[in-house]
Amino acid sequence: MARTVRKSGVKEVPLSEIKDDLSRYLREAETHEIVITRHGKPAGVLIGFESEEDWFDYRLEHDPRFLQRVERARSSLRAGRGVKLEDVETE
């Protein structure tokens, strides 16, 4: 039987249940992650996306090249190079 881990709001579901009703769990995963367990131990995570924009955001947040560019930009700002977004004048 599926159970919710209260401290993180993550639901744990055995693999056997996921296999029987994947569509339902994908819909649930749109609002919170579902940890898939095998023999009572975490084996994976099911993450759903409500929209294509959510999928795009997820991909960016996990793209090492994008994350490196963000870090380089932050380093430049810390070193006094570049312009902060707050300092850009709008027309």
PDB file of N, CA and C in Angstrom:
ATOM      1  N   MET A   1       0.841  -1.179   0.000  1.00  0.00           N
ATOM      2  CA  MET A   1       0.000   0.000   0.000  1.00  0.00           C
ATOM      3  C   MET A   1       0.885   1.241   0.000  1.00  0.00           C
ATOM      4  N   ALA A   2       0.502   2.262  -0.760  1.00  0.00           N
ATOM      5  CA  ALA A   2       1.255   3.511  -0.837  1.00  0.00           C
ATOM      6  C   ALA A   2       1.178   4.244   0.496  1.00  0.00           C
ATOM      7  N   ARG A   3       2.259   4.916   0.820  1.00  0.00           N
ATOM      8  CA  ARG A   3       2.248   5.694   2.051  1.00  0.00           C
ATOM      9  C   ARG A   3       2.958   7.016   1.797  1.00  0.00           C
ATOM     10  N   THR A   4       2.576   8.030   2.529  1.00  0.00           N
ATOM     11  CA  THR A   4       3.196   9.337   2.395  1.00  0.00           C
ATOM     12  C   THR A   4       4.185   9.535   3.527  1.00  0.00           C
ATOM     13  N   VAL A   5       5.385   9.966   3.187  1.00  0.00           N
ATOM     14  CA  VAL A   5       6.383  10.293   4.182  1.00  0.00           C
ATOM     15  C   VAL A   5       6.092  11.731   4.597  1.00  0.00           C
ATOM     16  N   ARG A   6       5.673  11.933   5.828  1.00  0.00           N
ATOM     17  CA  ARG A   6       5.159  13.223   6.267  1.00  0.00           C
ATOM     18  C   ARG A   6       6.177  14.360   6.239  1.00  0.00           C
ATOM     19  N   LYS A   7       7.418  14.116   6.618  1.00  0.00           N
ATOM     20  CA  LYS A   7       8.322  15.240   6.750  1.00  0.00           C
ATOM     21  C   LYS A   7       8.677  15.889   5.414  1.00  0.00           C
ATOM     22  N   SER A   8       8.658  15.181   4.321  1.00  0.00           N
ATOM     23  CA  SER A   8       9.010  15.794   3.046  1.00  0.00           C
ATOM     24  C   SER A   8       7.838  15.877   2.081  1.00  0.00           C
ATOM     25  N   GLY A   9       6.713  15.288   2.426  1.00  0.00           N
ATOM     26  CA  GLY A   9       5.569  15.312   1.529  1.00  0.00           C
ATOM     27  C   GLY A   9       5.725  14.401   0.331  1.00  0.00           C
ATOM     28  N   VAL A  10       6.735  13.560   0.342  1.00  0.00           N
ATOM     29  CA  VAL A  10       6.983  12.633  -0.754  1.00  0.00           C
ATOM     30  C   VAL A  10       6.225  11.345  -0.480  1.00  0.00           C
ATOM     31  N   LYS A  11       5.594  10.832  -1.499  1.00  0.00           N
ATOM     32  CA  LYS A  11       4.835   9.592  -1.366  1.00  0.00           C
ATOM     33  C   LYS A  11       5.722   8.421  -1.775  1.00  0.00           C
ATOM     34  N   GLU A  12       5.697   7.358  -1.015  1.00  0.00           N
ATOM     35  CA  GLU A  12       6.434   6.140  -1.363  1.00  0.00           C
ATOM     36  C   GLU A  12       5.446   5.098  -1.845  1.00  0.00           C
ATOM     37  N   VAL A  13       5.754   4.499  -3.006  1.00  0.00           N
ATOM     38  CA  VAL A  13       4.867   3.506  -3.598  1.00  0.00           C
ATOM     39  C   VAL A  13       5.703   2.321  -4.072  1.00  0.00           C
ATOM     40  N   PRO A  14       5.282   1.107  -3.737  1.00  0.00           N
ATOM     41  CA  PRO A  14       6.009  -0.070  -4.230  1.00  0.00           C
ATOM     42  C   PRO A  14       5.928  -0.177  -5.755  1.00  0.00           C
ATOM     43  N   LEU A  15       6.980  -0.678  -6.339  1.00  0.00           N
ATOM     44  CA  LEU A  15       7.051  -0.849  -7.788  1.00  0.00           C
ATOM     45  C   LEU A  15       5.860  -1.639  -8.319  1.00  0.00           C
ATOM     46  N   SER A  16       5.429  -2.654  -7.591  1.00  0.00           N
ATOM     47  CA  SER A  16       4.306  -3.477  -8.057  1.00  0.00           C
ATOM     48  C   SER A  16       3.045  -2.645  -8.238  1.00  0.00           C
ATOM     49  N   GLU A  17       2.815  -1.651  -7.372  1.00  0.00           N
ATOM     50  CA  GLU A  17       1.647  -0.773  -7.524  1.00  0.00           C
ATOM     51  C   GLU A  17       1.810   0.183  -8.698  1.00  0.00           C
ATOM     52  N   ILE A  18       3.008   0.696  -8.874  1.00  0.00           N
ATOM     53  CA  ILE A  18       3.274   1.621  -9.988  1.00  0.00           C
ATOM     54  C   ILE A  18       2.999   0.911 -11.308  1.00  0.00           C
ATOM     55  N   LYS A  19       3.481  -0.316 -11.442  1.00  0.00           N
ATOM     56  CA  LYS A  19       3.295  -1.063 -12.687  1.00  0.00           C
ATOM     57  C   LYS A  19       1.821  -1.277 -12.992  1.00  0.00           C
ATOM     58  N   ASP A  20       1.023  -1.486 -11.969  1.00  0.00           N
ATOM     59  CA  ASP A  20      -0.401  -1.757 -12.174  1.00  0.00           C
ATOM     60  C   ASP A  20      -1.204  -0.525 -12.563  1.00  0.00           C
ATOM     61  N   ASP A  21      -0.730   0.669 -12.197  1.00  0.00           N
ATOM     62  CA  ASP A  21      -1.528   1.870 -12.443  1.00  0.00           C
ATOM     63  C   ASP A  21      -0.625   3.078 -12.725  1.00  0.00           C
ATOM     64  N   LEU A  22       0.264   2.952 -13.702  1.00  0.00           N
ATOM     65  CA  LEU A  22       1.240   3.992 -13.999  1.00  0.00           C
ATOM     66  C   LEU A  22       0.585   5.328 -14.353  1.00  0.00           C
ATOM     67  N   SER A  23      -0.473   5.310 -15.133  1.00  0.00           N
ATOM     68  CA  SER A  23      -1.131   6.561 -15.533  1.00  0.00           C
ATOM     69  C   SER A  23      -1.571   7.375 -14.319  1.00  0.00           C
ATOM     70  N   ARG A  24      -2.164   6.711 -13.355  1.00  0.00           N
ATOM     71  CA  ARG A  24      -2.625   7.397 -12.147  1.00  0.00           C
ATOM     72  C   ARG A  24      -1.460   8.030 -11.398  1.00  0.00           C
ATOM     73  N   TYR A  25      -0.375   7.276 -11.262  1.00  0.00           N
ATOM     74  CA  TYR A  25       0.769   7.793 -10.520  1.00  0.00           C
ATOM     75  C   TYR A  25       1.476   8.919 -11.275  1.00  0.00           C
ATOM     76  N   LEU A  26       1.460   8.882 -12.602  1.00  0.00           N
ATOM     77  CA  LEU A  26       2.014   9.998 -13.364  1.00  0.00           C
ATOM     78  C   LEU A  26       1.216  11.271 -13.105  1.00  0.00           C
ATOM     79  N   ARG A  27      -0.096  11.155 -13.047  1.00  0.00           N
ATOM     80  CA  ARG A  27      -0.933  12.327 -12.730  1.00  0.00           C
ATOM     81  C   ARG A  27      -0.617  12.836 -11.330  1.00  0.00           C
ATOM     82  N   GLU A  28      -0.486  11.943 -10.373  1.00  0.00           N
ATOM     83  CA  GLU A  28      -0.146  12.348  -9.003  1.00  0.00           C
ATOM     84  C   GLU A  28       1.227  13.007  -8.956  1.00  0.00           C
ATOM     85  N   ALA A  29       2.152  12.509  -9.749  1.00  0.00           N
ATOM     86  CA  ALA A  29       3.525  13.019  -9.740  1.00  0.00           C
ATOM     87  C   ALA A  29       3.610  14.447 -10.280  1.00  0.00           C
ATOM     88  N   GLU A  30       2.548  14.934 -10.921  1.00  0.00           N
ATOM     89  CA  GLU A  30       2.540  16.323 -11.387  1.00  0.00           C
ATOM     90  C   GLU A  30       2.571  17.291 -10.207  1.00  0.00           C
ATOM     91  N   THR A  31       2.092  16.863  -9.046  1.00  0.00           N
ATOM     92  CA  THR A  31       2.022  17.759  -7.895  1.00  0.00           C
ATOM     93  C   THR A  31       3.039  17.428  -6.805  1.00  0.00           C
ATOM     94  N   HIS A  32       3.551  16.217  -6.779  1.00  0.00           N
ATOM     95  CA  HIS A  32       4.591  15.864  -5.807  1.00  0.00           C
ATOM     96  C   HIS A  32       5.347  14.622  -6.293  1.00  0.00           C
ATOM     97  N   GLU A  33       6.619  14.567  -5.927  1.00  0.00           N
ATOM     98  CA  GLU A  33       7.440  13.430  -6.334  1.00  0.00           C
ATOM     99  C   GLU A  33       6.950  12.152  -5.660  1.00  0.00           C
ATOM    100  N   ILE A  34       7.132  11.053  -6.350  1.00  0.00           N
ATOM    101  CA  ILE A  34       6.773   9.748  -5.805  1.00  0.00           C
ATOM    102  C   ILE A  34       8.033   8.881  -5.811  1.00  0.00           C
ATOM    103  N   VAL A  35       8.398   8.407  -4.628  1.00  0.00           N
ATOM    104  CA  VAL A  35       9.539   7.507  -4.513  1.00  0.00           C
ATOM    105  C   VAL A  35       9.046   6.092  -4.771  1.00  0.00           C
ATOM    106  N   ILE A  36       9.674   5.441  -5.726  1.00  0.00           N
ATOM    107  CA  ILE A  36       9.320   4.062  -6.058  1.00  0.00           C
ATOM    108  C   ILE A  36      10.231   3.141  -5.244  1.00  0.00           C
ATOM    109  N   THR A  37       9.617   2.219  -4.532  1.00  0.00           N
ATOM    110  CA  THR A  37      10.404   1.303  -3.704  1.00  0.00           C
ATOM    111  C   THR A  37      10.397  -0.103  -4.298  1.00  0.00           C
ATOM    112  N   ARG A  38      11.497  -0.796  -4.054  1.00  0.00           N
ATOM    113  CA  ARG A  38      11.602  -2.203  -4.432  1.00  0.00           C
ATOM    114  C   ARG A  38      12.030  -2.944  -3.175  1.00  0.00           C
ATOM    115  N   HIS A  39      11.203  -3.874  -2.742  1.00  0.00           N
ATOM    116  CA  HIS A  39      11.465  -4.619  -1.508  1.00  0.00           C
ATOM    117  C   HIS A  39      11.615  -3.672  -0.312  1.00  0.00           C
ATOM    118  N   GLY A  40      10.811  -2.604  -0.314  1.00  0.00           N
ATOM    119  CA  GLY A  40      10.799  -1.667   0.796  1.00  0.00           C
ATOM    120  C   GLY A  40      11.906  -0.627   0.799  1.00  0.00           C
ATOM    121  N   LYS A  41      12.781  -0.660  -0.208  1.00  0.00           N
ATOM    122  CA  LYS A  41      13.899   0.286  -0.265  1.00  0.00           C
ATOM    123  C   LYS A  41      13.742   1.204  -1.472  1.00  0.00           C
ATOM    124  N   PRO A  42      14.096   2.486  -1.327  1.00  0.00           N
ATOM    125  CA  PRO A  42      13.980   3.418  -2.452  1.00  0.00           C
ATOM    126  C   PRO A  42      14.752   2.914  -3.668  1.00  0.00           C
ATOM    127  N   ALA A  43      14.094   2.941  -4.837  1.00  0.00           N
ATOM    128  CA  ALA A  43      14.729   2.462  -6.060  1.00  0.00           C
ATOM    129  C   ALA A  43      14.704   3.508  -7.172  1.00  0.00           C
ATOM    130  N   GLY A  44      13.844   4.513  -7.044  1.00  0.00           N
ATOM    131  CA  GLY A  44      13.749   5.543  -8.073  1.00  0.00           C
ATOM    132  C   GLY A  44      12.741   6.593  -7.670  1.00  0.00           C
ATOM    133  N   VAL A  45      12.629   7.615  -8.517  1.00  0.00           N
ATOM    134  CA  VAL A  45      11.698   8.707  -8.253  1.00  0.00           C
ATOM    135  C   VAL A  45      10.882   8.960  -9.515  1.00  0.00           C
ATOM    136  N   LEU A  46       9.586   9.107  -9.342  1.00  0.00           N
ATOM    137  CA  LEU A  46       8.691   9.442 -10.445  1.00  0.00           C
ATOM    138  C   LEU A  46       8.371  10.925 -10.325  1.00  0.00           C
ATOM    139  N   ILE A  47       8.700  11.673 -11.369  1.00  0.00           N
ATOM    140  CA  ILE A  47       8.447  13.118 -11.386  1.00  0.00           C
ATOM    141  C   ILE A  47       7.557  13.401 -12.577  1.00  0.00           C
ATOM    142  N   GLY A  48       6.431  14.047 -12.333  1.00  0.00           N
ATOM    143  CA  GLY A  48       5.517  14.406 -13.413  1.00  0.00           C
ATOM    144  C   GLY A  48       5.630  15.883 -13.737  1.00  0.00           C
ATOM    145  N   PHE A  49       5.156  16.260 -14.913  1.00  0.00           N
ATOM    146  CA  PHE A  49       5.191  17.649 -15.345  1.00  0.00           C
ATOM    147  C   PHE A  49       3.790  18.064 -15.753  1.00  0.00           C
ATOM    148  N   GLU A  50       3.326  19.185 -15.196  1.00  0.00           N
ATOM    149  CA  GLU A  50       1.992  19.675 -15.519  1.00  0.00           C
ATOM    150  C   GLU A  50       1.944  20.288 -16.914  1.00  0.00           C
ATOM    151  N   SER A  51       3.083  20.779 -17.390  1.00  0.00           N
ATOM    152  CA  SER A  51       3.105  21.449 -18.687  1.00  0.00           C
ATOM    153  C   SER A  51       4.461  21.243 -19.355  1.00  0.00           C
ATOM    154  N   GLU A  52       4.536  21.623 -20.625  1.00  0.00           N
ATOM    155  CA  GLU A  52       5.814  21.554 -21.322  1.00  0.00           C
ATOM    156  C   GLU A  52       6.811  22.536 -20.725  1.00  0.00           C
ATOM    157  N   GLU A  53       6.304  23.657 -20.200  1.00  0.00           N
ATOM    158  CA  GLU A  53       7.180  24.632 -19.557  1.00  0.00           C
ATOM    159  C   GLU A  53       7.840  24.027 -18.316  1.00  0.00           C
ATOM    160  N   ASP A  54       7.087  23.238 -17.548  1.00  0.00           N
ATOM    161  CA  ASP A  54       7.668  22.554 -16.386  1.00  0.00           C
ATOM    162  C   ASP A  54       8.771  21.593 -16.832  1.00  0.00           C
ATOM    163  N   TRP A  55       8.546  20.890 -17.930  1.00  0.00           N
ATOM    164  CA  TRP A  55       9.536  19.956 -18.472  1.00  0.00           C
ATOM    165  C   TRP A  55      10.791  20.721 -18.891  1.00  0.00           C
ATOM    166  N   PHE A  56      10.595  21.870 -19.560  1.00  0.00           N
ATOM    167  CA  PHE A  56      11.719  22.696 -19.989  1.00  0.00           C
ATOM    168  C   PHE A  56      12.511  23.181 -18.775  1.00  0.00           C
ATOM    169  N   ASP A  57      11.809  23.682 -17.741  1.00  0.00           N
ATOM    170  CA  ASP A  57      12.469  24.156 -16.518  1.00  0.00           C
ATOM    171  C   ASP A  57      13.272  23.040 -15.861  1.00  0.00           C
ATOM    172  N   TYR A  58      12.691  21.852 -15.797  1.00  0.00           N
ATOM    173  CA  TYR A  58      13.375  20.707 -15.191  1.00  0.00           C
ATOM    174  C   TYR A  58      14.669  20.402 -15.948  1.00  0.00           C
ATOM    175  N   ARG A  59      14.568  20.415 -17.275  1.00  0.00           N
ATOM    176  CA  ARG A  59      15.755  20.125 -18.084  1.00  0.00           C
ATOM    177  C   ARG A  59      16.846  21.168 -17.849  1.00  0.00           C
ATOM    178  N   LEU A  60      16.481  22.453 -17.780  1.00  0.00           N
ATOM    179  CA  LEU A  60      17.473  23.492 -17.527  1.00  0.00           C
ATOM    180  C   LEU A  60      18.114  23.318 -16.159  1.00  0.00           C
ATOM    181  N   GLU A  61      17.291  23.056 -15.154  1.00  0.00           N
ATOM    182  CA  GLU A  61      17.792  22.916 -13.784  1.00  0.00           C
ATOM    183  C   GLU A  61      18.745  21.742 -13.628  1.00  0.00           C
ATOM    184  N   HIS A  62      18.711  20.810 -14.561  1.00  0.00           N
ATOM    185  CA  HIS A  62      19.557  19.618 -14.463  1.00  0.00           C
ATOM    186  C   HIS A  62      20.568  19.507 -15.597  1.00  0.00           C
ATOM    187  N   ASP A  63      20.736  20.583 -16.364  1.00  0.00           N
ATOM    188  CA  ASP A  63      21.675  20.585 -17.482  1.00  0.00           C
ATOM    189  C   ASP A  63      23.019  21.129 -16.991  1.00  0.00           C
ATOM    190  N   PRO A  64      24.063  20.302 -16.956  1.00  0.00           N
ATOM    191  CA  PRO A  64      25.346  20.758 -16.421  1.00  0.00           C
ATOM    192  C   PRO A  64      25.922  21.952 -17.185  1.00  0.00           C
ATOM    193  N   ARG A  65      25.712  22.007 -18.492  1.00  0.00           N
ATOM    194  CA  ARG A  65      26.237  23.147 -19.274  1.00  0.00           C
ATOM    195  C   ARG A  65      25.560  24.447 -18.861  1.00  0.00           C
ATOM    196  N   PHE A  66      24.238  24.409 -18.685  1.00  0.00           N
ATOM    197  CA  PHE A  66      23.510  25.600 -18.261  1.00  0.00           C
ATOM    198  C   PHE A  66      23.944  26.020 -16.859  1.00  0.00           C
ATOM    199  N   LEU A  67      24.062  25.070 -15.956  1.00  0.00           N
ATOM    200  CA  LEU A  67      24.470  25.376 -14.584  1.00  0.00           C
ATOM    201  C   LEU A  67      25.877  25.973 -14.542  1.00  0.00           C
ATOM    202  N   GLN A  68      26.769  25.506 -15.406  1.00  0.00           N
ATOM    203  CA  GLN A  68      28.123  26.070 -15.481  1.00  0.00           C
ATOM    204  C   GLN A  68      28.075  27.515 -15.967  1.00  0.00           C
ATOM    205  N   ARG A  69      27.226  27.791 -16.951  1.00  0.00           N
ATOM    206  CA  ARG A  69      27.098  29.173 -17.449  1.00  0.00           C
ATOM    207  C   ARG A  69      26.577  30.096 -16.363  1.00  0.00           C
ATOM    208  N   VAL A  70      25.606  29.627 -15.598  1.00  0.00           N
ATOM    209  CA  VAL A  70      25.063  30.436 -14.502  1.00  0.00           C
ATOM    210  C   VAL A  70      26.161  30.715 -13.480  1.00  0.00           C
ATOM    211  N   GLU A  71      26.929  29.697 -13.131  1.00  0.00           N
ATOM    212  CA  GLU A  71      27.999  29.881 -12.149  1.00  0.00           C
ATOM    213  C   GLU A  71      29.069  30.838 -12.672  1.00  0.00           C
ATOM    214  N   ARG A  72      29.420  30.733 -13.953  1.00  0.00           N
ATOM    215  CA  ARG A  72      30.408  31.666 -14.521  1.00  0.00           C
ATOM    216  C   ARG A  72      29.881  33.101 -14.472  1.00  0.00           C
ATOM    217  N   ALA A  73      28.601  33.282 -14.780  1.00  0.00           N
ATOM    218  CA  ALA A  73      28.010  34.623 -14.740  1.00  0.00           C
ATOM    219  C   ALA A  73      28.021  35.171 -13.313  1.00  0.00           C
ATOM    220  N   ARG A  74      27.687  34.337 -12.348  1.00  0.00           N
ATOM    221  CA  ARG A  74      27.707  34.778 -10.938  1.00  0.00           C
ATOM    222  C   ARG A  74      29.128  35.136 -10.499  1.00  0.00           C
ATOM    223  N   SER A  75      30.094  34.340 -10.922  1.00  0.00           N
ATOM    224  CA  SER A  75      31.487  34.630 -10.585  1.00  0.00           C
ATOM    225  C   SER A  75      31.924  35.958 -11.180  1.00  0.00           C
ATOM    226  N   SER A  76      31.525  36.235 -12.402  1.00  0.00           N
ATOM    227  CA  SER A  76      31.853  37.509 -13.034  1.00  0.00           C
ATOM    228  C   SER A  76      31.271  38.672 -12.251  1.00  0.00           C
ATOM    229  N   LEU A  77      30.023  38.528 -11.827  1.00  0.00           N
ATOM    230  CA  LEU A  77      29.391  39.592 -11.040  1.00  0.00           C
ATOM    231  C   LEU A  77      30.111  39.804  -9.717  1.00  0.00           C
ATOM    232  N   ARG A  78      30.476  38.693  -9.062  1.00  0.00           N
ATOM    233  CA  ARG A  78      31.196  38.807  -7.783  1.00  0.00           C
ATOM    234  C   ARG A  78      32.553  39.483  -7.973  1.00  0.00           C
ATOM    235  N   ALA A  79      33.159  39.292  -9.148  1.00  0.00           N
ATOM    236  CA  ALA A  79      34.459  39.893  -9.446  1.00  0.00           C
ATOM    237  C   ALA A  79      34.315  41.340  -9.932  1.00  0.00           C
ATOM    238  N   GLY A  80      33.085  41.832  -9.993  1.00  0.00           N
ATOM    239  CA  GLY A  80      32.876  43.218 -10.396  1.00  0.00           C
ATOM    240  C   GLY A  80      32.711  43.414 -11.885  1.00  0.00           C
ATOM    241  N   ARG A  81      32.636  42.346 -12.638  1.00  0.00           N
ATOM    242  CA  ARG A  81      32.431  42.447 -14.086  1.00  0.00           C
ATOM    243  C   ARG A  81      30.956  42.215 -14.389  1.00  0.00           C
ATOM    244  N   GLY A  82      30.468  42.832 -15.406  1.00  0.00           N
ATOM    245  CA  GLY A  82      29.080  42.630 -15.814  1.00  0.00           C
ATOM    246  C   GLY A  82      28.153  43.639 -15.159  1.00  0.00           C
ATOM    247  N   VAL A  83      26.888  43.514 -15.483  1.00  0.00           N
ATOM    248  CA  VAL A  83      25.856  44.414 -14.971  1.00  0.00           C
ATOM    249  C   VAL A  83      24.747  43.589 -14.363  1.00  0.00           C
ATOM    250  N   LYS A  84      24.354  43.940 -13.156  1.00  0.00           N
ATOM    251  CA  LYS A  84      23.260  43.232 -12.500  1.00  0.00           C
ATOM    252  C   LYS A  84      21.963  43.591 -13.199  1.00  0.00           C
ATOM    253  N   LEU A  85      21.058  42.653 -13.237  1.00  0.00           N
ATOM    254  CA  LEU A  85      19.760  42.872 -13.872  1.00  0.00           C
ATOM    255  C   LEU A  85      19.031  44.071 -13.251  1.00  0.00           C
ATOM    256  N   GLU A  86      19.185  44.233 -11.944  1.00  0.00           N
ATOM    257  CA  GLU A  86      18.526  45.353 -11.257  1.00  0.00           C
ATOM    258  C   GLU A  86      19.052  46.704 -11.731  1.00  0.00           C
ATOM    259  N   ASP A  87      20.297  46.709 -12.263  1.00  0.00           N
ATOM    260  CA  ASP A  87      20.921  47.965 -12.693  1.00  0.00           C
ATOM    261  C   ASP A  87      20.640  48.298 -14.162  1.00  0.00           C
ATOM    262  N   VAL A  88      19.988  47.399 -14.868  1.00  0.00           N
ATOM    263  CA  VAL A  88      19.671  47.647 -16.272  1.00  0.00           C
ATOM    264  C   VAL A  88      18.472  48.578 -16.345  1.00  0.00           C
ATOM    265  N   GLU A  89      18.605  49.676 -17.073  1.00  0.00           N
ATOM    266  CA  GLU A  89      17.492  50.616 -17.223  1.00  0.00           C
ATOM    267  C   GLU A  89      16.545  50.117 -18.294  1.00  0.00           C
ATOM    268  N   THR A  90      15.262  50.248 -18.025  1.00  0.00           N
ATOM    269  CA  THR A  90      14.283  49.892 -19.036  1.00  0.00           C
ATOM    270  C   THR A  90      13.847  51.165 -19.751  1.00  0.00           C
ATOM    271  N   GLU A  91      13.523  51.007 -21.012  1.00  0.00           N
ATOM    272  CA  GLU A  91      13.128  52.179 -21.805  1.00  0.00           C
ATOM    273  C   GLU A  91      11.673  52.483 -21.631  1.00  0.00           C
TER     274      GLU A  91
END
